Structure formats: C-alpha cells, structure tokens
PDB file of N, CA and C in Angstrom:
ATOM      1  N   MET A   1      -5.210  11.530 -11.907  1.00  0.00           N
ATOM      2  CA  MET A   1      -3.946  11.086 -12.446  1.00  0.00           C
ATOM      3  C   MET A   1      -4.081  10.865 -13.950  1.00  0.00           C
ATOM      4  N   ALA A   2      -2.991  10.957 -14.606  1.00  0.00           N
ATOM      5  CA  ALA A   2      -2.979  10.755 -16.049  1.00  0.00           C
ATOM      6  C   ALA A   2      -3.342   9.313 -16.392  1.00  0.00           C
ATOM      7  N   SER A   3      -3.998   9.142 -17.522  1.00  0.00           N
ATOM      8  CA  SER A   3      -4.450   7.798 -17.899  1.00  0.00           C
ATOM      9  C   SER A   3      -3.292   6.834 -18.118  1.00  0.00           C
ATOM     10  N   TRP A   4      -2.126   7.327 -18.522  1.00  0.00           N
ATOM     11  CA  TRP A   4      -0.985   6.433 -18.731  1.00  0.00           C
ATOM     12  C   TRP A   4      -0.574   5.732 -17.453  1.00  0.00           C
ATOM     13  N   LEU A   5      -0.916   6.332 -16.325  1.00  0.00           N
ATOM     14  CA  LEU A   5      -0.515   5.786 -15.036  1.00  0.00           C
ATOM     15  C   LEU A   5      -1.213   4.467 -14.730  1.00  0.00           C
ATOM     16  N   TYR A   6      -2.377   4.272 -15.311  1.00  0.00           N
ATOM     17  CA  TYR A   6      -3.167   3.098 -14.978  1.00  0.00           C
ATOM     18  C   TYR A   6      -3.082   1.999 -16.027  1.00  0.00           C
ATOM     19  N   GLY A   7      -2.070   2.011 -16.849  1.00  0.00           N
ATOM     20  CA  GLY A   7      -1.891   0.976 -17.859  1.00  0.00           C
ATOM     21  C   GLY A   7      -1.619  -0.382 -17.229  1.00  0.00           C
ATOM     22  N   THR A   8      -1.620  -1.406 -18.049  1.00  0.00           N
ATOM     23  CA  THR A   8      -1.397  -2.765 -17.571  1.00  0.00           C
ATOM     24  C   THR A   8      -0.035  -2.924 -16.921  1.00  0.00           C
ATOM     25  N   THR A   9       0.982  -2.321 -17.516  1.00  0.00           N
ATOM     26  CA  THR A   9       2.334  -2.401 -16.970  1.00  0.00           C
ATOM     27  C   THR A   9       2.760  -1.008 -16.547  1.00  0.00           C
ATOM     28  N   ILE A  10       3.179  -0.891 -15.333  1.00  0.00           N
ATOM     29  CA  ILE A  10       3.637   0.402 -14.838  1.00  0.00           C
ATOM     30  C   ILE A  10       5.125   0.280 -14.564  1.00  0.00           C
ATOM     31  N   ASP A  11       5.918   0.897 -15.410  1.00  0.00           N
ATOM     32  CA  ASP A  11       7.363   0.728 -15.345  1.00  0.00           C
ATOM     33  C   ASP A  11       7.974   1.218 -14.045  1.00  0.00           C
ATOM     34  N   PHE A  12       7.424   2.304 -13.463  1.00  0.00           N
ATOM     35  CA  PHE A  12       8.051   2.823 -12.255  1.00  0.00           C
ATOM     36  C   PHE A  12       7.835   1.919 -11.055  1.00  0.00           C
ATOM     37  N   ILE A  13       6.992   0.919 -11.159  1.00  0.00           N
ATOM     38  CA  ILE A  13       6.787  -0.031 -10.067  1.00  0.00           C
ATOM     39  C   ILE A  13       7.757  -1.204 -10.212  1.00  0.00           C
ATOM     40  N   SER A  14       8.393  -1.327 -11.343  1.00  0.00           N
ATOM     41  CA  SER A  14       9.235  -2.499 -11.578  1.00  0.00           C
ATOM     42  C   SER A  14      10.598  -2.388 -10.917  1.00  0.00           C
ATOM     43  N   LYS A  15      11.477  -3.242 -11.290  1.00  0.00           N
ATOM     44  CA  LYS A  15      12.721  -3.535 -10.582  1.00  0.00           C
ATOM     45  C   LYS A  15      13.693  -2.402 -10.266  1.00  0.00           C
ATOM     46  N   PRO A  16      13.729  -1.265 -10.990  1.00  0.00           N
ATOM     47  CA  PRO A  16      14.799  -0.324 -10.687  1.00  0.00           C
ATOM     48  C   PRO A  16      14.773   0.222  -9.267  1.00  0.00           C
ATOM     49  N   PHE A  17      13.649   0.192  -8.619  1.00  0.00           N
ATOM     50  CA  PHE A  17      13.543   0.725  -7.268  1.00  0.00           C
ATOM     51  C   PHE A  17      13.819  -0.352  -6.234  1.00  0.00           C
ATOM     52  N   ASN A  18      14.177   0.079  -5.052  1.00  0.00           N
ATOM     53  CA  ASN A  18      14.344  -0.890  -3.973  1.00  0.00           C
ATOM     54  C   ASN A  18      12.978  -1.405  -3.534  1.00  0.00           C
ATOM     55  N   SER A  19      12.980  -2.466  -2.788  1.00  0.00           N
ATOM     56  CA  SER A  19      11.729  -3.123  -2.392  1.00  0.00           C
ATOM     57  C   SER A  19      10.813  -2.208  -1.593  1.00  0.00           C
ATOM     58  N   GLU A  20      11.373  -1.410  -0.702  1.00  0.00           N
ATOM     59  CA  GLU A  20      10.533  -0.533   0.115  1.00  0.00           C
ATOM     60  C   GLU A  20       9.816   0.502  -0.735  1.00  0.00           C
ATOM     61  N   LEU A  21      10.513   1.127  -1.664  1.00  0.00           N
ATOM     62  CA  LEU A  21       9.887   2.117  -2.532  1.00  0.00           C
ATOM     63  C   LEU A  21       8.829   1.468  -3.414  1.00  0.00           C
ATOM     64  N   ARG A  22       9.128   0.293  -3.947  1.00  0.00           N
ATOM     65  CA  ARG A  22       8.137  -0.443  -4.742  1.00  0.00           C
ATOM     66  C   ARG A  22       6.905  -0.755  -3.907  1.00  0.00           C
ATOM     67  N   TRP A  23       7.106  -1.132  -2.642  1.00  0.00           N
ATOM     68  CA  TRP A  23       6.018  -1.465  -1.730  1.00  0.00           C
ATOM     69  C   TRP A  23       5.077  -0.276  -1.542  1.00  0.00           C
ATOM     70  N   PHE A  24       5.653   0.879  -1.220  1.00  0.00           N
ATOM     71  CA  PHE A  24       4.824   2.060  -0.979  1.00  0.00           C
ATOM     72  C   PHE A  24       4.139   2.544  -2.253  1.00  0.00           C
ATOM     73  N   ASN A  25       4.835   2.493  -3.384  1.00  0.00           N
ATOM     74  CA  ASN A  25       4.211   2.882  -4.652  1.00  0.00           C
ATOM     75  C   ASN A  25       3.094   1.922  -5.039  1.00  0.00           C
ATOM     76  N   ALA A  26       3.306   0.641  -4.836  1.00  0.00           N
ATOM     77  CA  ALA A  26       2.271  -0.345  -5.155  1.00  0.00           C
ATOM     78  C   ALA A  26       1.027  -0.124  -4.302  1.00  0.00           C
ATOM     79  N   ALA A  27       1.210   0.195  -3.036  1.00  0.00           N
ATOM     80  CA  ALA A  27       0.068   0.465  -2.157  1.00  0.00           C
ATOM     81  C   ALA A  27      -0.644   1.742  -2.577  1.00  0.00           C
ATOM     82  N   ARG A  28       0.121   2.771  -2.866  1.00  0.00           N
ATOM     83  CA  ARG A  28      -0.473   4.054  -3.239  1.00  0.00           C
ATOM     84  C   ARG A  28      -1.264   3.958  -4.538  1.00  0.00           C
ATOM     85  N   TYR A  29      -0.740   3.222  -5.511  1.00  0.00           N
ATOM     86  CA  TYR A  29      -1.386   3.152  -6.824  1.00  0.00           C
ATOM     87  C   TYR A  29      -2.225   1.890  -7.023  1.00  0.00           C
ATOM     88  N   GLY A  30      -2.329   1.059  -6.001  1.00  0.00           N
ATOM     89  CA  GLY A  30      -3.205  -0.108  -6.071  1.00  0.00           C
ATOM     90  C   GLY A  30      -2.713  -1.213  -6.981  1.00  0.00           C
ATOM     91  N   ILE A  31      -1.414  -1.434  -7.028  1.00  0.00           N
ATOM     92  CA  ILE A  31      -0.833  -2.443  -7.913  1.00  0.00           C
ATOM     93  C   ILE A  31      -0.752  -3.780  -7.175  1.00  0.00           C
ATOM     94  N   LYS A  32      -1.811  -4.573  -7.312  1.00  0.00           N
ATOM     95  CA  LYS A  32      -1.913  -5.832  -6.565  1.00  0.00           C
ATOM     96  C   LYS A  32      -0.788  -6.809  -6.887  1.00  0.00           C
ATOM     97  N   ALA A  33      -0.403  -6.898  -8.145  1.00  0.00           N
ATOM     98  CA  ALA A  33       0.647  -7.855  -8.523  1.00  0.00           C
ATOM     99  C   ALA A  33       1.945  -7.567  -7.776  1.00  0.00           C
ATOM    100  N   SER A  34       2.289  -6.299  -7.650  1.00  0.00           N
ATOM    101  CA  SER A  34       3.513  -5.940  -6.923  1.00  0.00           C
ATOM    102  C   SER A  34       3.367  -6.214  -5.433  1.00  0.00           C
ATOM    103  N   ILE A  35       2.182  -5.976  -4.894  1.00  0.00           N
ATOM    104  CA  ILE A  35       1.935  -6.267  -3.474  1.00  0.00           C
ATOM    105  C   ILE A  35       2.145  -7.759  -3.228  1.00  0.00           C
ATOM    106  N   PHE A  36       1.525  -8.606  -4.058  1.00  0.00           N
ATOM    107  CA  PHE A  36       1.687 -10.058  -3.903  1.00  0.00           C
ATOM    108  C   PHE A  36       3.146 -10.480  -4.054  1.00  0.00           C
ATOM    109  N   GLU A  37       3.829  -9.918  -5.051  1.00  0.00           N
ATOM    110  CA  GLU A  37       5.227 -10.275  -5.292  1.00  0.00           C
ATOM    111  C   GLU A  37       6.096  -9.932  -4.081  1.00  0.00           C
ATOM    112  N   LEU A  38       5.925  -8.737  -3.548  1.00  0.00           N
ATOM    113  CA  LEU A  38       6.752  -8.313  -2.419  1.00  0.00           C
ATOM    114  C   LEU A  38       6.414  -9.086  -1.148  1.00  0.00           C
ATOM    115  N   ILE A  39       5.153  -9.434  -0.966  1.00  0.00           N
ATOM    116  CA  ILE A  39       4.787 -10.278   0.178  1.00  0.00           C
ATOM    117  C   ILE A  39       5.469 -11.638   0.046  1.00  0.00           C
ATOM    118  N   SER A  40       5.492 -12.176  -1.173  1.00  0.00           N
ATOM    119  CA  SER A  40       6.147 -13.475  -1.378  1.00  0.00           C
ATOM    120  C   SER A  40       7.656 -13.398  -1.155  1.00  0.00           C
ATOM    121  N   GLU A  41       8.213 -12.193  -1.271  1.00  0.00           N
ATOM    122  CA  GLU A  41       9.640 -11.979  -1.007  1.00  0.00           C
ATOM    123  C   GLU A  41       9.893 -11.633   0.464  1.00  0.00           C
ATOM    124  N   ASP A  42       8.870 -11.789   1.292  1.00  0.00           N
ATOM    125  CA  ASP A  42       8.958 -11.567   2.743  1.00  0.00           C
ATOM    126  C   ASP A  42       9.258 -10.130   3.152  1.00  0.00           C
ATOM    127  N   ILE A  43       8.686  -9.170   2.442  1.00  0.00           N
ATOM    128  CA  ILE A  43       8.835  -7.784   2.873  1.00  0.00           C
ATOM    129  C   ILE A  43       8.125  -7.609   4.214  1.00  0.00           C
ATOM    130  N   ASP A  44       8.616  -6.724   5.033  1.00  0.00           N
ATOM    131  CA  ASP A  44       7.958  -6.392   6.296  1.00  0.00           C
ATOM    132  C   ASP A  44       6.701  -5.593   5.960  1.00  0.00           C
ATOM    133  N   VAL A  45       5.532  -6.197   6.103  1.00  0.00           N
ATOM    134  CA  VAL A  45       4.280  -5.547   5.702  1.00  0.00           C
ATOM    135  C   VAL A  45       3.942  -4.334   6.561  1.00  0.00           C
ATOM    136  N   ASN A  46       4.625  -4.174   7.677  1.00  0.00           N
ATOM    137  CA  ASN A  46       4.365  -3.046   8.576  1.00  0.00           C
ATOM    138  C   ASN A  46       5.417  -1.945   8.493  1.00  0.00           C
ATOM    139  N   ILE A  47       6.294  -2.016   7.500  1.00  0.00           N
ATOM    140  CA  ILE A  47       7.334  -1.000   7.374  1.00  0.00           C
ATOM    141  C   ILE A  47       6.692   0.373   7.172  1.00  0.00           C
ATOM    142  N   GLN A  48       7.332   1.406   7.703  1.00  0.00           N
ATOM    143  CA  GLN A  48       6.814   2.765   7.608  1.00  0.00           C
ATOM    144  C   GLN A  48       7.743   3.625   6.757  1.00  0.00           C
ATOM    145  N   ASP A  49       7.137   4.569   6.014  1.00  0.00           N
ATOM    146  CA  ASP A  49       7.947   5.491   5.227  1.00  0.00           C
ATOM    147  C   ASP A  49       8.483   6.602   6.131  1.00  0.00           C
ATOM    148  N   ASP A  50       9.115   7.600   5.551  1.00  0.00           N
ATOM    149  CA  ASP A  50       9.725   8.670   6.341  1.00  0.00           C
ATOM    150  C   ASP A  50       8.715   9.464   7.163  1.00  0.00           C
ATOM    151  N   ASP A  51       7.452   9.458   6.744  1.00  0.00           N
ATOM    152  CA  ASP A  51       6.389  10.143   7.483  1.00  0.00           C
ATOM    153  C   ASP A  51       5.654   9.209   8.432  1.00  0.00           C
ATOM    154  N   GLY A  52       6.107   7.970   8.498  1.00  0.00           N
ATOM    155  CA  GLY A  52       5.483   7.000   9.379  1.00  0.00           C
ATOM    156  C   GLY A  52       4.273   6.308   8.780  1.00  0.00           C
ATOM    157  N   LYS A  53       3.981   6.573   7.514  1.00  0.00           N
ATOM    158  CA  LYS A  53       2.834   5.928   6.871  1.00  0.00           C
ATOM    159  C   LYS A  53       3.192   4.494   6.492  1.00  0.00           C
ATOM    160  N   THR A  54       2.196   3.632   6.594  1.00  0.00           N
ATOM    161  CA  THR A  54       2.349   2.240   6.177  1.00  0.00           C
ATOM    162  C   THR A  54       1.669   2.050   4.823  1.00  0.00           C
ATOM    163  N   ALA A  55       1.905   0.906   4.218  1.00  0.00           N
ATOM    164  CA  ALA A  55       1.221   0.574   2.968  1.00  0.00           C
ATOM    165  C   ALA A  55      -0.290   0.560   3.184  1.00  0.00           C
ATOM    166  N   LEU A  56      -0.715   0.117   4.349  1.00  0.00           N
ATOM    167  CA  LEU A  56      -2.145   0.078   4.652  1.00  0.00           C
ATOM    168  C   LEU A  56      -2.743   1.480   4.702  1.00  0.00           C
ATOM    169  N   ILE A  57      -2.046   2.407   5.322  1.00  0.00           N
ATOM    170  CA  ILE A  57      -2.531   3.791   5.362  1.00  0.00           C
ATOM    171  C   ILE A  57      -2.631   4.339   3.941  1.00  0.00           C
ATOM    172  N   LEU A  58      -1.617   4.113   3.124  1.00  0.00           N
ATOM    173  CA  LEU A  58      -1.626   4.621   1.749  1.00  0.00           C
ATOM    174  C   LEU A  58      -2.740   3.993   0.918  1.00  0.00           C
ATOM    175  N   ALA A  59      -2.856   2.679   0.960  1.00  0.00           N
ATOM    176  CA  ALA A  59      -3.895   2.001   0.173  1.00  0.00           C
ATOM    177  C   ALA A  59      -5.283   2.445   0.615  1.00  0.00           C
ATOM    178  N   SER A  60      -5.472   2.618   1.903  1.00  0.00           N
ATOM    179  CA  SER A  60      -6.764   3.064   2.422  1.00  0.00           C
ATOM    180  C   SER A  60      -7.070   4.478   1.970  1.00  0.00           C
ATOM    181  N   PHE A  61      -6.095   5.366   2.114  1.00  0.00           N
ATOM    182  CA  PHE A  61      -6.283   6.771   1.760  1.00  0.00           C
ATOM    183  C   PHE A  61      -6.645   6.924   0.289  1.00  0.00           C
ATOM    184  N   TYR A  62      -6.001   6.149  -0.571  1.00  0.00           N
ATOM    185  CA  TYR A  62      -6.247   6.265  -2.006  1.00  0.00           C
ATOM    186  C   TYR A  62      -7.371   5.356  -2.497  1.00  0.00           C
ATOM    187  N   GLY A  63      -8.063   4.673  -1.586  1.00  0.00           N
ATOM    188  CA  GLY A  63      -9.270   3.935  -1.922  1.00  0.00           C
ATOM    189  C   GLY A  63      -9.083   2.606  -2.623  1.00  0.00           C
ATOM    190  N   HIS A  64      -7.968   1.948  -2.382  1.00  0.00           N
ATOM    191  CA  HIS A  64      -7.701   0.665  -3.035  1.00  0.00           C
ATOM    192  C   HIS A  64      -8.171  -0.485  -2.142  1.00  0.00           C
ATOM    193  N   GLN A  65      -9.463  -0.751  -2.205  1.00  0.00           N
ATOM    194  CA  GLN A  65     -10.098  -1.736  -1.335  1.00  0.00           C
ATOM    195  C   GLN A  65      -9.454  -3.113  -1.433  1.00  0.00           C
ATOM    196  N   GLU A  66      -9.174  -3.584  -2.636  1.00  0.00           N
ATOM    197  CA  GLU A  66      -8.600  -4.927  -2.776  1.00  0.00           C
ATOM    198  C   GLU A  66      -7.210  -5.005  -2.156  1.00  0.00           C
ATOM    199  N   VAL A  67      -6.422  -3.947  -2.302  1.00  0.00           N
ATOM    200  CA  VAL A  67      -5.096  -3.929  -1.684  1.00  0.00           C
ATOM    201  C   VAL A  67      -5.233  -3.906  -0.166  1.00  0.00           C
ATOM    202  N   VAL A  68      -6.181  -3.131   0.348  1.00  0.00           N
ATOM    203  CA  VAL A  68      -6.439  -3.104   1.796  1.00  0.00           C
ATOM    204  C   VAL A  68      -6.754  -4.511   2.285  1.00  0.00           C
ATOM    205  N   GLU A  69      -7.627  -5.211   1.581  1.00  0.00           N
ATOM    206  CA  GLU A  69      -7.998  -6.570   1.982  1.00  0.00           C
ATOM    207  C   GLU A  69      -6.797  -7.518   1.934  1.00  0.00           C
ATOM    208  N   ILE A  70      -5.976  -7.396   0.889  1.00  0.00           N
ATOM    209  CA  ILE A  70      -4.774  -8.237   0.783  1.00  0.00           C
ATOM    210  C   ILE A  70      -3.855  -7.987   1.973  1.00  0.00           C
ATOM    211  N   LEU A  71      -3.639  -6.730   2.290  1.00  0.00           N
ATOM    212  CA  LEU A  71      -2.747  -6.382   3.395  1.00  0.00           C
ATOM    213  C   LEU A  71      -3.275  -6.915   4.724  1.00  0.00           C
ATOM    214  N   ILE A  72      -4.567  -6.745   4.959  1.00  0.00           N
ATOM    215  CA  ILE A  72      -5.163  -7.232   6.210  1.00  0.00           C
ATOM    216  C   ILE A  72      -5.031  -8.751   6.299  1.00  0.00           C
ATOM    217  N   HIS A  73      -5.285  -9.440   5.196  1.00  0.00           N
ATOM    218  CA  HIS A  73      -5.172 -10.905   5.189  1.00  0.00           C
ATOM    219  C   HIS A  73      -3.738 -11.384   5.350  1.00  0.00           C
ATOM    220  N   ASN A  74      -2.783 -10.477   5.180  1.00  0.00           N
ATOM    221  CA  ASN A  74      -1.376 -10.841   5.325  1.00  0.00           C
ATOM    222  C   ASN A  74      -0.756 -10.256   6.582  1.00  0.00           C
ATOM    223  N   GLY A  75      -1.604  -9.923   7.545  1.00  0.00           N
ATOM    224  CA  GLY A  75      -1.130  -9.628   8.888  1.00  0.00           C
ATOM    225  C   GLY A  75      -0.641  -8.231   9.195  1.00  0.00           C
ATOM    226  N   VAL A  76      -1.058  -7.223   8.431  1.00  0.00           N
ATOM    227  CA  VAL A  76      -0.625  -5.871   8.780  1.00  0.00           C
ATOM    228  C   VAL A  76      -1.223  -5.452  10.115  1.00  0.00           C
ATOM    229  N   ASP A  77      -0.526  -4.578  10.785  1.00  0.00           N
ATOM    230  CA  ASP A  77      -0.999  -4.009  12.045  1.00  0.00           C
ATOM    231  C   ASP A  77      -1.812  -2.760  11.719  1.00  0.00           C
ATOM    232  N   VAL A  78      -3.110  -2.802  11.964  1.00  0.00           N
ATOM    233  CA  VAL A  78      -3.986  -1.677  11.618  1.00  0.00           C
ATOM    234  C   VAL A  78      -3.857  -0.510  12.589  1.00  0.00           C
ATOM    235  N   ASN A  79      -3.112  -0.687  13.654  1.00  0.00           N
ATOM    236  CA  ASN A  79      -3.006   0.348  14.684  1.00  0.00           C
ATOM    237  C   ASN A  79      -1.711   1.147  14.644  1.00  0.00           C
ATOM    238  N   ILE A  80      -0.839   0.894  13.687  1.00  0.00           N
ATOM    239  CA  ILE A  80       0.402   1.666  13.594  1.00  0.00           C
ATOM    240  C   ILE A  80       0.058   3.110  13.245  1.00  0.00           C
ATOM    241  N   GLN A  81       0.675   4.049  13.962  1.00  0.00           N
ATOM    242  CA  GLN A  81       0.426   5.469  13.731  1.00  0.00           C
ATOM    243  C   GLN A  81       1.525   6.089  12.879  1.00  0.00           C
ATOM    244  N   SER A  82       1.104   7.017  12.030  1.00  0.00           N
ATOM    245  CA  SER A  82       2.077   7.819  11.292  1.00  0.00           C
ATOM    246  C   SER A  82       2.626   8.883  12.240  1.00  0.00           C
ATOM    247  N   ILE A  83       3.611   9.630  11.790  1.00  0.00           N
ATOM    248  CA  ILE A  83       4.171  10.708  12.609  1.00  0.00           C
ATOM    249  C   ILE A  83       3.089  11.711  12.984  1.00  0.00           C
ATOM    250  N   SER A  84       2.124  11.921  12.091  1.00  0.00           N
ATOM    251  CA  SER A  84       1.022  12.852  12.349  1.00  0.00           C
ATOM    252  C   SER A  84      -0.040  12.278  13.275  1.00  0.00           C
ATOM    253  N   GLY A  85       0.105  11.010  13.644  1.00  0.00           N
ATOM    254  CA  GLY A  85      -0.844  10.385  14.551  1.00  0.00           C
ATOM    255  C   GLY A  85      -1.977   9.640  13.882  1.00  0.00           C
ATOM    256  N   TYR A  86      -1.937   9.536  12.556  1.00  0.00           N
ATOM    257  CA  TYR A  86      -2.990   8.827  11.839  1.00  0.00           C
ATOM    258  C   TYR A  86      -2.765   7.319  11.877  1.00  0.00           C
ATOM    259  N   THR A  87      -3.864   6.591  11.976  1.00  0.00           N
ATOM    260  CA  THR A  87      -3.830   5.144  11.785  1.00  0.00           C
ATOM    261  C   THR A  87      -4.705   4.841  10.575  1.00  0.00           C
ATOM    262  N   ALA A  88      -4.708   3.618  10.144  1.00  0.00           N
ATOM    263  CA  ALA A  88      -5.510   3.239   8.984  1.00  0.00           C
ATOM    264  C   ALA A  88      -6.942   2.886   9.361  1.00  0.00           C
ATOM    265  N   SER A  89      -7.254   2.802  10.630  1.00  0.00           N
ATOM    266  CA  SER A  89      -8.559   2.290  11.063  1.00  0.00           C
ATOM    267  C   SER A  89      -9.738   2.999  10.415  1.00  0.00           C
ATOM    268  N   ALA A  90      -9.818   4.318  10.532  1.00  0.00           N
ATOM    269  CA  ALA A  90     -10.937   5.056   9.943  1.00  0.00           C
ATOM    270  C   ALA A  90     -10.871   5.013   8.426  1.00  0.00           C
ATOM    271  N   LEU A  91      -9.665   5.051   7.890  1.00  0.00           N
ATOM    272  CA  LEU A  91      -9.504   5.001   6.442  1.00  0.00           C
ATOM    273  C   LEU A  91      -9.960   3.657   5.880  1.00  0.00           C
ATOM    274  N   ILE A  92      -9.675   2.589   6.601  1.00  0.00           N
ATOM    275  CA  ILE A  92     -10.114   1.259   6.161  1.00  0.00           C
ATOM    276  C   ILE A  92     -11.631   1.230   6.081  1.00  0.00           C
ATOM    277  N   TYR A  93     -12.281   1.728   7.110  1.00  0.00           N
ATOM    278  CA  TYR A  93     -13.741   1.754   7.134  1.00  0.00           C
ATOM    279  C   TYR A  93     -14.273   2.530   5.933  1.00  0.00           C
ATOM    280  N   ALA A  94     -13.712   3.704   5.688  1.00  0.00           N
ATOM    281  CA  ALA A  94     -14.167   4.527   4.572  1.00  0.00           C
ATOM    282  C   ALA A  94     -13.931   3.830   3.236  1.00  0.00           C
ATOM    283  N   THR A  95     -12.812   3.148   3.111  1.00  0.00           N
ATOM    284  CA  THR A  95     -12.488   2.443   1.872  1.00  0.00           C
ATOM    285  C   THR A  95     -13.448   1.288   1.632  1.00  0.00           C
ATOM    286  N   LEU A  96     -13.759   0.542   2.663  1.00  0.00           N
ATOM    287  CA  LEU A  96     -14.586  -0.651   2.507  1.00  0.00           C
ATOM    288  C   LEU A  96     -16.059  -0.344   2.293  1.00  0.00           C
ATOM    289  N   ILE A  97     -16.530   0.852   2.671  1.00  0.00           N
ATOM    290  CA  ILE A  97     -17.947   1.164   2.472  1.00  0.00           C
ATOM    291  C   ILE A  97     -18.204   1.938   1.192  1.00  0.00           C
ATOM    292  N   ARG A  98     -17.198   2.184   0.397  1.00  0.00           N
ATOM    293  CA  ARG A  98     -17.388   2.920  -0.867  1.00  0.00           C
ATOM    294  C   ARG A  98     -18.300   2.182  -1.785  1.00  0.00           C
TER     295      ARG A  98
END
C-alpha cells in the first residue's frame, strides 16, 4: 500500500462513512482508534459485510494482531463463516504467531 495510507490521520476512516463501512475499513487497515471508538458506540462486533466477512476475518487476514486481540477481548464470535465458508480461526492463529 502507498505510504500515505499509513499516516497518523486517515481521512477515509473518519466521519463521512457510515459506521459499518468505518468498522470494516478500520479492521482491514488496522486502525485501533476507530475500532475502539465504534465499540464504544455499541457497534455489533459480529456484523458481516456483503461477502459475509467479519472485522475479525479482515483484521486477521491483513495481519493486524492488536486489532485481532481487541476484537477477541470485546466478544467477537470467532466461528462466524463468510459466504465462502471461511472463519477467522486459522487466520487468528497465523496472525498471532507472526
């Protein structure tokens, strides 16, 4: 990814998007502050995108260990399957042993 993407402030994660889109983008790009903010706003931590992926699946796939840990500590269901049948279980293991 381009280096601008990893700056301190990421504008596309901020308010113009709805909470669900912010949630999935924060998980995908490892934006802990947005994850904490949305959890404090009582977002459904197990919500699935159009492909059935959860924030946990995205954070695990992209290797964001701290986000994975935050999600697990906030009660995500590690067994939810995407439409393709994937769960985060193996991805979590791979993320945590990096």
